[in-house]
């Protein structure tokens, strides 16, 4: 059973003039995104970001794996 206290924040604090692009995930009630930040799409933010920062992910690496062998097992 989920128990909530009155002091528990569920959502992050977003500063002024912050741009958050589609697909971005910002988690944590204690997470603070500072003023004038840009959060790029498809990033996963779990800690606070100081004001005036750009948060982006380097180009992800594509990993290919054959599932054909797993289907025969």
C-alpha atoms as a PDB file:
ATOM      1  CA  UNK A   1       0.000   0.000   0.000  1.00  0.00           C
ATOM      2  CA  UNK A   2       1.313   3.430  -0.954  1.00  0.00           C
ATOM      3  CA  UNK A   3       1.563   5.855   1.935  1.00  0.00           C
ATOM      4  CA  UNK A   4       2.172   9.531   1.277  1.00  0.00           C
ATOM      5  CA  UNK A   5       3.183  12.155   3.740  1.00  0.00           C
ATOM      6  CA  UNK A   6       2.426  15.830   3.308  1.00  0.00           C
ATOM      7  CA  UNK A   7       6.129  16.671   2.792  1.00  0.00           C
ATOM      8  CA  UNK A   8       6.805  14.293  -0.111  1.00  0.00           C
ATOM      9  CA  UNK A   9       7.117  15.936  -3.543  1.00  0.00           C
ATOM     10  CA  UNK A  10       6.141  13.793  -6.506  1.00  0.00           C
ATOM     11  CA  UNK A  11       7.202  16.037  -9.404  1.00  0.00           C
ATOM     12  CA  UNK A  12      10.413  17.890 -10.291  1.00  0.00           C
ATOM     13  CA  UNK A  13      10.690  21.665 -10.045  1.00  0.00           C
ATOM     14  CA  UNK A  14      11.050  23.339 -13.465  1.00  0.00           C
ATOM     15  CA  UNK A  15      12.532  26.844 -13.628  1.00  0.00           C
ATOM     16  CA  UNK A  16      11.508  29.755 -15.848  1.00  0.00           C
ATOM     17  CA  UNK A  17      12.101  29.749 -19.619  1.00  0.00           C
ATOM     18  CA  UNK A  18      12.964  26.027 -19.690  1.00  0.00           C
ATOM     19  CA  UNK A  19      12.481  24.169 -22.982  1.00  0.00           C
ATOM     20  CA  UNK A  20      11.782  20.431 -22.695  1.00  0.00           C
ATOM     21  CA  UNK A  21      11.612  18.552 -25.991  1.00  0.00           C
ATOM     22  CA  UNK A  22       9.416  15.537 -26.676  1.00  0.00           C
ATOM     23  CA  UNK A  23      10.537  12.218 -25.276  1.00  0.00           C
ATOM     24  CA  UNK A  24      12.517  13.703 -22.370  1.00  0.00           C
ATOM     25  CA  UNK A  25      11.988  12.074 -18.975  1.00  0.00           C
ATOM     26  CA  UNK A  26      12.624  14.060 -15.788  1.00  0.00           C
ATOM     27  CA  UNK A  27      12.213  12.052 -12.576  1.00  0.00           C
ATOM     28  CA  UNK A  28      12.339  12.806  -8.884  1.00  0.00           C
ATOM     29  CA  UNK A  29      10.512  15.138  -6.562  1.00  0.00           C
ATOM     30  CA  UNK A  30      13.787  16.685  -5.396  1.00  0.00           C
ATOM     31  CA  UNK A  31      15.075  17.254  -8.960  1.00  0.00           C
ATOM     32  CA  UNK A  32      15.356  20.946  -9.915  1.00  0.00           C
ATOM     33  CA  UNK A  33      15.815  22.166 -13.491  1.00  0.00           C
ATOM     34  CA  UNK A  34      17.297  25.671 -13.347  1.00  0.00           C
ATOM     35  CA  UNK A  35      16.132  28.719 -15.307  1.00  0.00           C
ATOM     36  CA  UNK A  36      16.951  29.025 -19.038  1.00  0.00           C
ATOM     37  CA  UNK A  37      17.792  25.324 -19.516  1.00  0.00           C
ATOM     38  CA  UNK A  38      17.164  23.247 -22.622  1.00  0.00           C
ATOM     39  CA  UNK A  39      16.407  19.541 -22.172  1.00  0.00           C
ATOM     40  CA  UNK A  40      16.790  17.710 -25.482  1.00  0.00           C
ATOM     41  CA  UNK A  41      14.455  14.938 -26.586  1.00  0.00           C
ATOM     42  CA  UNK A  42      14.989  11.328 -25.496  1.00  0.00           C
ATOM     43  CA  UNK A  43      17.113  12.128 -22.435  1.00  0.00           C
ATOM     44  CA  UNK A  44      16.602  10.647 -18.977  1.00  0.00           C
ATOM     45  CA  UNK A  45      17.259  13.195 -16.185  1.00  0.00           C
ATOM     46  CA  UNK A  46      17.449  11.920 -12.588  1.00  0.00           C
ATOM     47  CA  UNK A  47      19.429  14.707 -10.913  1.00  0.00           C
ATOM     48  CA  UNK A  48      19.231  18.494 -10.725  1.00  0.00           C
ATOM     49  CA  UNK A  49      20.504  20.702 -13.564  1.00  0.00           C
ATOM     50  CA  UNK A  50      22.047  24.153 -12.891  1.00  0.00           C
ATOM     51  CA  UNK A  51      20.637  27.246 -14.657  1.00  0.00           C
ATOM     52  CA  UNK A  52      21.585  27.913 -18.276  1.00  0.00           C
ATOM     53  CA  UNK A  53      22.549  24.355 -19.230  1.00  0.00           C
ATOM     54  CA  UNK A  54      21.850  22.248 -22.299  1.00  0.00           C
ATOM     55  CA  UNK A  55      21.164  18.595 -21.477  1.00  0.00           C
ATOM     56  CA  UNK A  56      21.534  16.199 -24.387  1.00  0.00           C
ATOM     57  CA  UNK A  57      22.625  12.643 -25.049  1.00  0.00           C
ATOM     58  CA  UNK A  58      25.485  11.718 -27.308  1.00  0.00           C
ATOM     59  CA  UNK A  59      24.475   9.788 -30.388  1.00  0.00           C
ATOM     60  CA  UNK A  60      23.311   6.374 -29.138  1.00  0.00           C
ATOM     61  CA  UNK A  61      25.027   3.225 -30.317  1.00  0.00           C
ATOM     62  CA  UNK A  62      22.940   0.749 -32.309  1.00  0.00           C
ATOM     63  CA  UNK A  63      23.372  -2.844 -31.089  1.00  0.00           C
ATOM     64  CA  UNK A  64      22.169  -5.670 -33.351  1.00  0.00           C
ATOM     65  CA  UNK A  65      21.730  -9.200 -32.064  1.00  0.00           C
ATOM     66  CA  UNK A  66      20.352 -12.214 -33.872  1.00  0.00           C
ATOM     67  CA  UNK A  67      17.217 -13.684 -32.349  1.00  0.00           C
ATOM     68  CA  UNK A  68      17.239 -16.619 -34.727  1.00  0.00           C
ATOM     69  CA  UNK A  69      19.458 -18.732 -32.385  1.00  0.00           C
ATOM     70  CA  UNK A  70      17.238 -17.984 -29.393  1.00  0.00           C
ATOM     71  CA  UNK A  71      14.120 -19.175 -31.248  1.00  0.00           C
ATOM     72  CA  UNK A  72      15.672 -22.609 -31.902  1.00  0.00           C
ATOM     73  CA  UNK A  73      16.555 -23.230 -28.227  1.00  0.00           C
END
